[in-house]
All heavy atoms as atom14 arrays in JSON, in Angstrom:
{
  "sequence": "NKREDRPKSETWKIRKQEQLEKTKDASRSVKCIMLADKLSNM",
  "atom14_mask": [
    [1, 1, 1, 1, 1, 1, 1, 1, 0, 0, 0, 0, 0, 0],
    [1, 1, 1, 1, 1, 1, 1, 1, 1, 0, 0, 0, 0, 0],
    [1, 1, 1, 1, 1, 1, 1, 1, 1, 1, 1, 0, 0, 0],
    [1, 1, 1, 1, 1, 1, 1, 1, 1, 0, 0, 0, 0, 0],
    [1, 1, 1, 1, 1, 1, 1, 1, 0, 0, 0, 0, 0, 0],
    [1, 1, 1, 1, 1, 1, 1, 1, 1, 1, 1, 0, 0, 0],
    [1, 1, 1, 1, 1, 1, 1, 0, 0, 0, 0, 0, 0, 0],
    [1, 1, 1, 1, 1, 1, 1, 1, 1, 0, 0, 0, 0, 0],
    [1, 1, 1, 1, 1, 1, 0, 0, 0, 0, 0, 0, 0, 0],
    [1, 1, 1, 1, 1, 1, 1, 1, 1, 0, 0, 0, 0, 0],
    [1, 1, 1, 1, 1, 1, 1, 0, 0, 0, 0, 0, 0, 0],
    [1, 1, 1, 1, 1, 1, 1, 1, 1, 1, 1, 1, 1, 1],
    [1, 1, 1, 1, 1, 1, 1, 1, 1, 0, 0, 0, 0, 0],
    [1, 1, 1, 1, 1, 1, 1, 1, 0, 0, 0, 0, 0, 0],
    [1, 1, 1, 1, 1, 1, 1, 1, 1, 1, 1, 0, 0, 0],
    [1, 1, 1, 1, 1, 1, 1, 1, 1, 0, 0, 0, 0, 0],
    [1, 1, 1, 1, 1, 1, 1, 1, 1, 0, 0, 0, 0, 0],
    [1, 1, 1, 1, 1, 1, 1, 1, 1, 0, 0, 0, 0, 0],
    [1, 1, 1, 1, 1, 1, 1, 1, 1, 0, 0, 0, 0, 0],
    [1, 1, 1, 1, 1, 1, 1, 1, 0, 0, 0, 0, 0, 0],
    [1, 1, 1, 1, 1, 1, 1, 1, 1, 0, 0, 0, 0, 0],
    [1, 1, 1, 1, 1, 1, 1, 1, 1, 0, 0, 0, 0, 0],
    [1, 1, 1, 1, 1, 1, 1, 0, 0, 0, 0, 0, 0, 0],
    [1, 1, 1, 1, 1, 1, 1, 1, 1, 0, 0, 0, 0, 0],
    [1, 1, 1, 1, 1, 1, 1, 1, 0, 0, 0, 0, 0, 0],
    [1, 1, 1, 1, 1, 0, 0, 0, 0, 0, 0, 0, 0, 0],
    [1, 1, 1, 1, 1, 1, 0, 0, 0, 0, 0, 0, 0, 0],
    [1, 1, 1, 1, 1, 1, 1, 1, 1, 1, 1, 0, 0, 0],
    [1, 1, 1, 1, 1, 1, 0, 0, 0, 0, 0, 0, 0, 0],
    [1, 1, 1, 1, 1, 1, 1, 0, 0, 0, 0, 0, 0, 0],
    [1, 1, 1, 1, 1, 1, 1, 1, 1, 0, 0, 0, 0, 0],
    [1, 1, 1, 1, 1, 1, 0, 0, 0, 0, 0, 0, 0, 0],
    [1, 1, 1, 1, 1, 1, 1, 1, 0, 0, 0, 0, 0, 0],
    [1, 1, 1, 1, 1, 1, 1, 1, 0, 0, 0, 0, 0, 0],
    [1, 1, 1, 1, 1, 1, 1, 1, 0, 0, 0, 0, 0, 0],
    [1, 1, 1, 1, 1, 0, 0, 0, 0, 0, 0, 0, 0, 0],
    [1, 1, 1, 1, 1, 1, 1, 1, 0, 0, 0, 0, 0, 0],
    [1, 1, 1, 1, 1, 1, 1, 1, 1, 0, 0, 0, 0, 0],
    [1, 1, 1, 1, 1, 1, 1, 1, 0, 0, 0, 0, 0, 0],
    [1, 1, 1, 1, 1, 1, 0, 0, 0, 0, 0, 0, 0, 0],
    [1, 1, 1, 1, 1, 1, 1, 1, 0, 0, 0, 0, 0, 0],
    [1, 1, 1, 1, 1, 1, 1, 1, 0, 0, 0, 0, 0, 0]
  ],
  "atom14_positions": [
    [[0.91, -1.18, 0.04], [-0.05, 0.04, 0.05], [0.95, 1.22, -0.1], [1.52, 1.55, 1.07], [-0.84, -0.06, 1.25], [-1.67, 1.18, 1.47], [-1.7, 2.18, 0.6], [-2.62, 1.23, 2.43], [0.0, 0.0, 0.0], [0.0, 0.0, 0.0], [0.0, 0.0, 0.0], [0.0, 0.0, 0.0], [0.0, 0.0, 0.0], [0.0, 0.0, 0.0]],
    [[1.08, 1.74, -1.09], [2.05, 2.91, -1.32], [1.77, 4.21, -0.61], [2.51, 5.11, -0.38], [2.18, 3.24, -2.92], [3.1, 2.19, -3.68], [4.57, 2.23, -3.13], [5.46, 1.47, -4.03], [5.77, 2.01, -5.3], [0.0, 0.0, 0.0], [0.0, 0.0, 0.0], [0.0, 0.0, 0.0], [0.0, 0.0, 0.0], [0.0, 0.0, 0.0]],
    [[0.44, 4.35, -0.31], [-0.01, 5.57, 0.43], [0.58, 6.86, -0.3], [1.37, 7.64, 0.12], [0.53, 5.69, 1.84], [-0.09, 4.61, 2.79], [0.79, 4.6, 4.13], [0.09, 3.71, 5.12], [0.27, 2.41, 5.16], [0.98, 1.77, 4.14], [-0.45, 1.6, 6.0], [0.0, 0.0, 0.0], [0.0, 0.0, 0.0], [0.0, 0.0, 0.0]],
    [[0.0, 6.96, -1.6], [0.5, 7.92, -2.51], [0.43, 9.38, -2.0], [1.08, 10.29, -2.56], [-0.06, 7.85, -3.91], [0.14, 6.51, -4.5], [1.64, 6.28, -5.06], [2.4, 7.2, -5.03], [1.93, 5.19, -5.49], [0.0, 0.0, 0.0], [0.0, 0.0, 0.0], [0.0, 0.0, 0.0], [0.0, 0.0, 0.0], [0.0, 0.0, 0.0]],
    [[-0.38, 9.55, -1.01], [-0.63, 11.09, -0.56], [0.34, 11.45, 0.39], [0.5, 12.62, 0.94], [-2.05, 11.11, 0.18], [-2.13, 10.13, 1.31], [-1.55, 9.02, 1.17], [-2.69, 10.41, 2.21], [0.0, 0.0, 0.0], [0.0, 0.0, 0.0], [0.0, 0.0, 0.0], [0.0, 0.0, 0.0], [0.0, 0.0, 0.0], [0.0, 0.0, 0.0]],
    [[1.44, 10.56, 0.76], [2.52, 10.82, 1.77], [3.83, 10.43, 1.06], [3.83, 9.69, 0.18], [2.32, 10.0, 2.97], [1.04, 10.46, 3.77], [0.87, 9.38, 4.85], [1.74, 9.38, 5.84], [1.78, 8.53, 6.88], [0.88, 7.54, 6.98], [2.73, 8.51, 7.74], [0.0, 0.0, 0.0], [0.0, 0.0, 0.0], [0.0, 0.0, 0.0]],
    [[5.0, 11.23, 1.48], [6.25, 11.0, 0.92], [6.62, 9.52, 1.09], [6.35, 8.97, 2.2], [7.15, 11.92, 1.63], [6.24, 12.98, 2.14], [4.86, 12.36, 2.47], [0.0, 0.0, 0.0], [0.0, 0.0, 0.0], [0.0, 0.0, 0.0], [0.0, 0.0, 0.0], [0.0, 0.0, 0.0], [0.0, 0.0, 0.0], [0.0, 0.0, 0.0]],
    [[7.29, 8.94, 0.12], [7.65, 7.56, 0.2], [8.69, 7.27, 1.52], [8.64, 6.14, 2.05], [8.32, 7.08, -0.99], [7.25, 6.95, -2.23], [7.91, 6.49, -3.54], [6.94, 6.29, -4.61], [7.45, 5.88, -5.85], [0.0, 0.0, 0.0], [0.0, 0.0, 0.0], [0.0, 0.0, 0.0], [0.0, 0.0, 0.0], [0.0, 0.0, 0.0]],
    [[9.53, 8.07, 1.62], [10.53, 8.04, 2.76], [9.72, 7.98, 4.14], [10.18, 7.31, 4.97], [11.56, 9.03, 2.64], [10.91, 10.42, 2.89], [0.0, 0.0, 0.0], [0.0, 0.0, 0.0], [0.0, 0.0, 0.0], [0.0, 0.0, 0.0], [0.0, 0.0, 0.0], [0.0, 0.0, 0.0], [0.0, 0.0, 0.0], [0.0, 0.0, 0.0]],
    [[8.74, 8.7, 4.14], [8.06, 8.75, 5.37], [7.13, 7.47, 5.68], [6.97, 7.08, 6.87], [7.01, 9.94, 5.33], [6.11, 10.21, 6.64], [5.15, 11.37, 6.32], [5.68, 12.49, 6.08], [3.95, 11.14, 6.47], [0.0, 0.0, 0.0], [0.0, 0.0, 0.0], [0.0, 0.0, 0.0], [0.0, 0.0, 0.0], [0.0, 0.0, 0.0]],
    [[6.82, 6.83, 4.74], [5.93, 5.55, 4.78], [6.78, 4.33, 4.67], [6.25, 3.3, 4.87], [4.77, 5.51, 3.89], [5.22, 5.58, 2.48], [3.87, 6.78, 3.94], [0.0, 0.0, 0.0], [0.0, 0.0, 0.0], [0.0, 0.0, 0.0], [0.0, 0.0, 0.0], [0.0, 0.0, 0.0], [0.0, 0.0, 0.0], [0.0, 0.0, 0.0]],
    [[7.95, 4.39, 4.4], [8.8, 3.19, 4.11], [8.75, 2.13, 5.04], [8.42, 1.01, 4.81], [10.28, 3.75, 3.75], [11.22, 2.51, 3.49], [11.53, 2.15, 2.12], [11.94, 1.64, 4.32], [12.43, 1.13, 2.16], [12.73, 0.81, 3.4], [12.08, 1.55, 5.6], [13.52, -0.19, 3.85], [12.9, 0.6, 6.25], [13.61, -0.32, 5.27]],
    [[8.98, 2.51, 6.26], [9.07, 1.46, 7.53], [7.68, 0.88, 7.7], [7.47, -0.4, 7.91], [9.57, 1.96, 8.76], [9.99, 0.94, 9.63], [11.04, 1.26, 10.73], [11.48, 0.0, 11.56], [12.59, 0.33, 12.45], [0.0, 0.0, 0.0], [0.0, 0.0, 0.0], [0.0, 0.0, 0.0], [0.0, 0.0, 0.0], [0.0, 0.0, 0.0]],
    [[6.67, 1.73, 7.61], [5.27, 1.26, 7.68], [4.97, 0.12, 6.73], [4.45, -0.96, 6.98], [4.34, 2.29, 7.68], [4.48, 3.33, 8.86], [2.77, 1.77, 7.71], [3.69, 4.61, 8.66], [0.0, 0.0, 0.0], [0.0, 0.0, 0.0], [0.0, 0.0, 0.0], [0.0, 0.0, 0.0], [0.0, 0.0, 0.0], [0.0, 0.0, 0.0]],
    [[5.31, 0.46, 5.48], [5.04, -0.41, 4.33], [5.8, -1.77, 4.55], [5.24, -2.85, 4.21], [5.37, 0.18, 3.05], [4.4, 1.42, 2.61], [4.7, 1.94, 1.25], [5.77, 2.9, 1.35], [7.01, 2.79, 0.76], [7.17, 1.62, 0.05], [7.85, 3.62, 0.77], [0.0, 0.0, 0.0], [0.0, 0.0, 0.0], [0.0, 0.0, 0.0]],
    [[7.05, -1.69, 4.93], [7.91, -2.89, 5.08], [7.43, -3.69, 6.3], [7.25, -4.96, 6.11], [9.31, -2.57, 5.31], [9.96, -1.58, 4.25], [9.69, -2.23, 2.86], [10.33, -1.32, 1.73], [9.85, -1.75, 0.36], [0.0, 0.0, 0.0], [0.0, 0.0, 0.0], [0.0, 0.0, 0.0], [0.0, 0.0, 0.0], [0.0, 0.0, 0.0]],
    [[6.97, -3.05, 7.32], [6.49, -3.81, 8.44], [5.09, -4.52, 8.06], [4.89, -5.67, 8.53], [6.17, -2.89, 9.6], [7.49, -2.39, 10.3], [7.28, -1.4, 11.31], [6.32, -0.45, 11.22], [8.07, -1.34, 12.36], [0.0, 0.0, 0.0], [0.0, 0.0, 0.0], [0.0, 0.0, 0.0], [0.0, 0.0, 0.0], [0.0, 0.0, 0.0]],
    [[4.33, -3.9, 7.39], [3.04, -4.59, 6.82], [3.25, -5.75, 5.93], [2.73, -6.83, 6.09], [2.19, -3.52, 6.09], [1.47, -2.52, 6.89], [0.81, -1.36, 6.13], [1.02, -1.23, 4.86], [0.16, -0.69, 6.66], [0.0, 0.0, 0.0], [0.0, 0.0, 0.0], [0.0, 0.0, 0.0], [0.0, 0.0, 0.0], [0.0, 0.0, 0.0]],
    [[4.33, -5.79, 5.06], [4.76, -6.81, 4.26], [5.21, -8.0, 5.05], [4.89, -9.14, 4.8], [5.76, -6.35, 3.13], [5.1, -5.56, 2.06], [4.03, -6.17, 1.21], [2.89, -5.94, 1.47], [4.41, -7.16, 0.48], [0.0, 0.0, 0.0], [0.0, 0.0, 0.0], [0.0, 0.0, 0.0], [0.0, 0.0, 0.0], [0.0, 0.0, 0.0]],
    [[6.06, -7.61, 6.01], [6.69, -8.71, 6.85], [5.65, -9.38, 7.56], [5.52, -10.63, 7.77], [7.76, -8.12, 7.72], [9.03, -7.58, 7.06], [9.82, -6.8, 8.12], [9.73, -8.75, 6.59], [0.0, 0.0, 0.0], [0.0, 0.0, 0.0], [0.0, 0.0, 0.0], [0.0, 0.0, 0.0], [0.0, 0.0, 0.0], [0.0, 0.0, 0.0]],
    [[4.69, -8.54, 8.14], [3.6, -9.27, 9.01], [2.71, -10.21, 8.27], [2.39, -11.24, 8.77], [2.76, -8.05, 9.69], [1.81, -8.55, 10.76], [2.51, -9.29, 11.79], [3.61, -8.85, 12.3], [1.83, -10.11, 12.41], [0.0, 0.0, 0.0], [0.0, 0.0, 0.0], [0.0, 0.0, 0.0], [0.0, 0.0, 0.0], [0.0, 0.0, 0.0]],
    [[2.27, -9.66, 6.98], [1.2, -10.52, 6.31], [1.99, -11.72, 5.58], [1.36, -12.66, 5.2], [0.57, -9.7, 5.27], [1.3, -9.25, 4.07], [0.33, -8.33, 3.22], [0.95, -7.99, 1.83], [-0.02, -7.19, 1.11], [0.0, 0.0, 0.0], [0.0, 0.0, 0.0], [0.0, 0.0, 0.0], [0.0, 0.0, 0.0], [0.0, 0.0, 0.0]],
    [[3.32, -11.67, 5.55], [4.1, -12.84, 4.86], [4.54, -13.87, 5.83], [4.69, -15.01, 5.63], [5.28, -12.4, 4.19], [4.88, -11.35, 3.22], [5.9, -13.52, 3.38], [0.0, 0.0, 0.0], [0.0, 0.0, 0.0], [0.0, 0.0, 0.0], [0.0, 0.0, 0.0], [0.0, 0.0, 0.0], [0.0, 0.0, 0.0], [0.0, 0.0, 0.0]],
    [[4.55, -13.38, 7.2], [4.97, -14.36, 8.28], [4.36, -15.59, 8.32], [4.97, -16.63, 8.41], [4.84, -13.59, 9.52], [5.42, -14.32, 10.78], [5.24, -13.38, 12.07], [3.83, -13.04, 12.41], [3.76, -12.29, 13.56], [0.0, 0.0, 0.0], [0.0, 0.0, 0.0], [0.0, 0.0, 0.0], [0.0, 0.0, 0.0], [0.0, 0.0, 0.0]],
    [[3.05, -15.75, 8.21], [2.35, -16.84, 8.35], [1.75, -17.39, 6.93], [0.7, -18.07, 6.96], [1.17, -16.84, 9.33], [1.66, -16.48, 10.72], [2.7, -17.03, 11.12], [1.22, -15.64, 11.45], [0.0, 0.0, 0.0], [0.0, 0.0, 0.0], [0.0, 0.0, 0.0], [0.0, 0.0, 0.0], [0.0, 0.0, 0.0], [0.0, 0.0, 0.0]],
    [[2.24, -16.77, 5.89], [1.66, -17.07, 4.49], [2.31, -18.43, 4.08], [3.07, -19.01, 4.54], [2.12, -15.92, 3.59], [0.0, 0.0, 0.0], [0.0, 0.0, 0.0], [0.0, 0.0, 0.0], [0.0, 0.0, 0.0], [0.0, 0.0, 0.0], [0.0, 0.0, 0.0], [0.0, 0.0, 0.0], [0.0, 0.0, 0.0], [0.0, 0.0, 0.0]],
    [[1.78, -18.82, 2.85], [2.23, -20.08, 2.25], [3.59, -20.08, 1.79], [4.23, -18.96, 1.7], [1.31, -20.42, 1.15], [1.55, -19.42, 0.05], [0.0, 0.0, 0.0], [0.0, 0.0, 0.0], [0.0, 0.0, 0.0], [0.0, 0.0, 0.0], [0.0, 0.0, 0.0], [0.0, 0.0, 0.0], [0.0, 0.0, 0.0], [0.0, 0.0, 0.0]],
    [[4.13, -21.26, 1.57], [5.55, -21.4, 1.02], [5.61, -20.62, -0.4], [6.57, -19.92, -0.63], [5.82, -22.79, 0.8], [7.33, -23.02, 0.45], [7.59, -24.55, 0.26], [8.96, -24.8, -0.18], [10.03, -24.87, 0.58], [9.99, -24.88, 1.88], [11.2, -25.24, 0.0], [0.0, 0.0, 0.0], [0.0, 0.0, 0.0], [0.0, 0.0, 0.0]],
    [[4.43, -20.76, -1.16], [4.52, -20.05, -2.48], [4.7, -18.48, -2.34], [5.56, -17.94, -3.16], [3.24, -20.42, -3.17], [3.17, -21.8, -3.63], [0.0, 0.0, 0.0], [0.0, 0.0, 0.0], [0.0, 0.0, 0.0], [0.0, 0.0, 0.0], [0.0, 0.0, 0.0], [0.0, 0.0, 0.0], [0.0, 0.0, 0.0], [0.0, 0.0, 0.0]],
    [[4.02, -18.04, -1.48], [4.02, -16.57, -1.14], [5.5, -16.23, -0.64], [6.11, -15.15, -1.31], [3.04, -16.11, -0.15], [3.36, -14.64, 0.4], [1.59, -16.12, -0.75], [0.0, 0.0, 0.0], [0.0, 0.0, 0.0], [0.0, 0.0, 0.0], [0.0, 0.0, 0.0], [0.0, 0.0, 0.0], [0.0, 0.0, 0.0], [0.0, 0.0, 0.0]],
    [[6.17, -16.95, 0.2], [7.37, -16.7, 0.64], [8.42, -16.94, -0.53], [9.54, -16.15, -0.5], [7.75, -17.68, 1.84], [6.87, -17.25, 2.89], [7.18, -18.13, 4.2], [6.35, -17.77, 5.51], [6.45, -18.55, 6.51], [0.0, 0.0, 0.0], [0.0, 0.0, 0.0], [0.0, 0.0, 0.0], [0.0, 0.0, 0.0], [0.0, 0.0, 0.0]],
    [[8.18, -17.85, -1.38], [9.1, -18.1, -2.72], [9.19, -16.65, -3.43], [10.33, -16.29, -3.84], [8.67, -19.09, -3.42], [9.06, -20.77, -2.81], [0.0, 0.0, 0.0], [0.0, 0.0, 0.0], [0.0, 0.0, 0.0], [0.0, 0.0, 0.0], [0.0, 0.0, 0.0], [0.0, 0.0, 0.0], [0.0, 0.0, 0.0], [0.0, 0.0, 0.0]],
    [[7.97, -16.07, -3.64], [8.0, -14.88, -4.33], [8.78, -13.75, -3.64], [9.6, -12.94, -4.25], [6.6, -14.47, -4.75], [5.96, -15.44, -5.59], [6.53, -13.12, -5.47], [4.33, -15.16, -5.96], [0.0, 0.0, 0.0], [0.0, 0.0, 0.0], [0.0, 0.0, 0.0], [0.0, 0.0, 0.0], [0.0, 0.0, 0.0], [0.0, 0.0, 0.0]],
    [[8.53, -13.63, -2.31], [9.3, -12.51, -1.53], [10.67, -12.75, -1.5], [11.41, -11.85, -1.76], [8.66, -12.58, -0.11], [9.5, -11.59, 0.77], [9.01, -11.5, 2.41], [8.17, -9.89, 2.44], [0.0, 0.0, 0.0], [0.0, 0.0, 0.0], [0.0, 0.0, 0.0], [0.0, 0.0, 0.0], [0.0, 0.0, 0.0], [0.0, 0.0, 0.0]],
    [[11.22, -14.07, -1.31], [12.56, -14.28, -1.34], [13.24, -13.98, -2.7], [14.24, -13.42, -2.83], [12.84, -15.8, -0.91], [14.26, -16.25, -1.01], [15.2, -15.44, -0.23], [14.43, -17.67, -0.7], [0.0, 0.0, 0.0], [0.0, 0.0, 0.0], [0.0, 0.0, 0.0], [0.0, 0.0, 0.0], [0.0, 0.0, 0.0], [0.0, 0.0, 0.0]],
    [[12.44, -14.45, -3.76], [13.14, -14.14, -5.12], [13.23, -12.66, -5.38], [14.26, -12.22, -5.98], [12.29, -14.89, -6.12], [0.0, 0.0, 0.0], [0.0, 0.0, 0.0], [0.0, 0.0, 0.0], [0.0, 0.0, 0.0], [0.0, 0.0, 0.0], [0.0, 0.0, 0.0], [0.0, 0.0, 0.0], [0.0, 0.0, 0.0], [0.0, 0.0, 0.0]],
    [[12.17, -11.99, -4.94], [12.28, -10.44, -5.19], [13.33, -9.77, -4.57], [14.12, -9.02, -5.02], [10.85, -9.93, -4.76], [10.65, -8.39, -4.8], [11.33, -7.79, -5.59], [9.81, -7.91, -4.04], [0.0, 0.0, 0.0], [0.0, 0.0, 0.0], [0.0, 0.0, 0.0], [0.0, 0.0, 0.0], [0.0, 0.0, 0.0], [0.0, 0.0, 0.0]],
    [[13.48, -10.21, -3.2], [14.5, -9.62, -2.43], [15.95, -10.07, -2.85], [16.89, -9.29, -2.72], [14.36, -9.85, -0.88], [13.05, -9.45, -0.45], [12.52, -8.12, -0.96], [11.13, -7.81, -0.58], [10.45, -6.62, -1.36], [0.0, 0.0, 0.0], [0.0, 0.0, 0.0], [0.0, 0.0, 0.0], [0.0, 0.0, 0.0], [0.0, 0.0, 0.0]],
    [[16.02, -11.33, -3.3], [17.43, -11.75, -3.77], [17.73, -11.06, -5.05], [18.79, -10.66, -5.28], [17.29, -13.21, -4.01], [18.51, -13.82, -4.76], [19.81, -13.53, -3.93], [18.45, -15.36, -4.89], [0.0, 0.0, 0.0], [0.0, 0.0, 0.0], [0.0, 0.0, 0.0], [0.0, 0.0, 0.0], [0.0, 0.0, 0.0], [0.0, 0.0, 0.0]],
    [[16.75, -10.84, -5.94], [17.07, -9.97, -7.13], [17.54, -8.57, -6.75], [18.49, -8.08, -7.27], [15.74, -9.93, -8.11], [15.99, -9.02, -9.11], [0.0, 0.0, 0.0], [0.0, 0.0, 0.0], [0.0, 0.0, 0.0], [0.0, 0.0, 0.0], [0.0, 0.0, 0.0], [0.0, 0.0, 0.0], [0.0, 0.0, 0.0], [0.0, 0.0, 0.0]],
    [[16.77, -7.9, -5.71], [17.37, -6.67, -5.28], [18.56, -6.66, -4.73], [19.52, -5.82, -5.01], [16.29, -6.13, -4.19], [14.95, -5.74, -4.76], [14.85, -5.5, -5.94], [13.89, -5.71, -3.97], [0.0, 0.0, 0.0], [0.0, 0.0, 0.0], [0.0, 0.0, 0.0], [0.0, 0.0, 0.0], [0.0, 0.0, 0.0], [0.0, 0.0, 0.0]],
    [[18.95, -7.68, -3.93], [20.26, -7.72, -3.33], [21.31, -8.12, -4.22], [22.58, -7.67, -4.11], [20.29, -8.66, -2.06], [19.47, -8.29, -0.95], [19.92, -6.46, -0.38], [21.65, -6.71, 0.08], [0.0, 0.0, 0.0], [0.0, 0.0, 0.0], [0.0, 0.0, 0.0], [0.0, 0.0, 0.0], [0.0, 0.0, 0.0], [0.0, 0.0, 0.0]]
  ]
}
């Protein structure tokens, strides 16, 4: 949820915390996409 009405730097941690929280108990398939996305970034 990008919250386009606010600066991205201001909402960065909120957005990351939300993603982590909803992925914590998600399926292996969801976690595969997250890991692949972050590995590509890294």
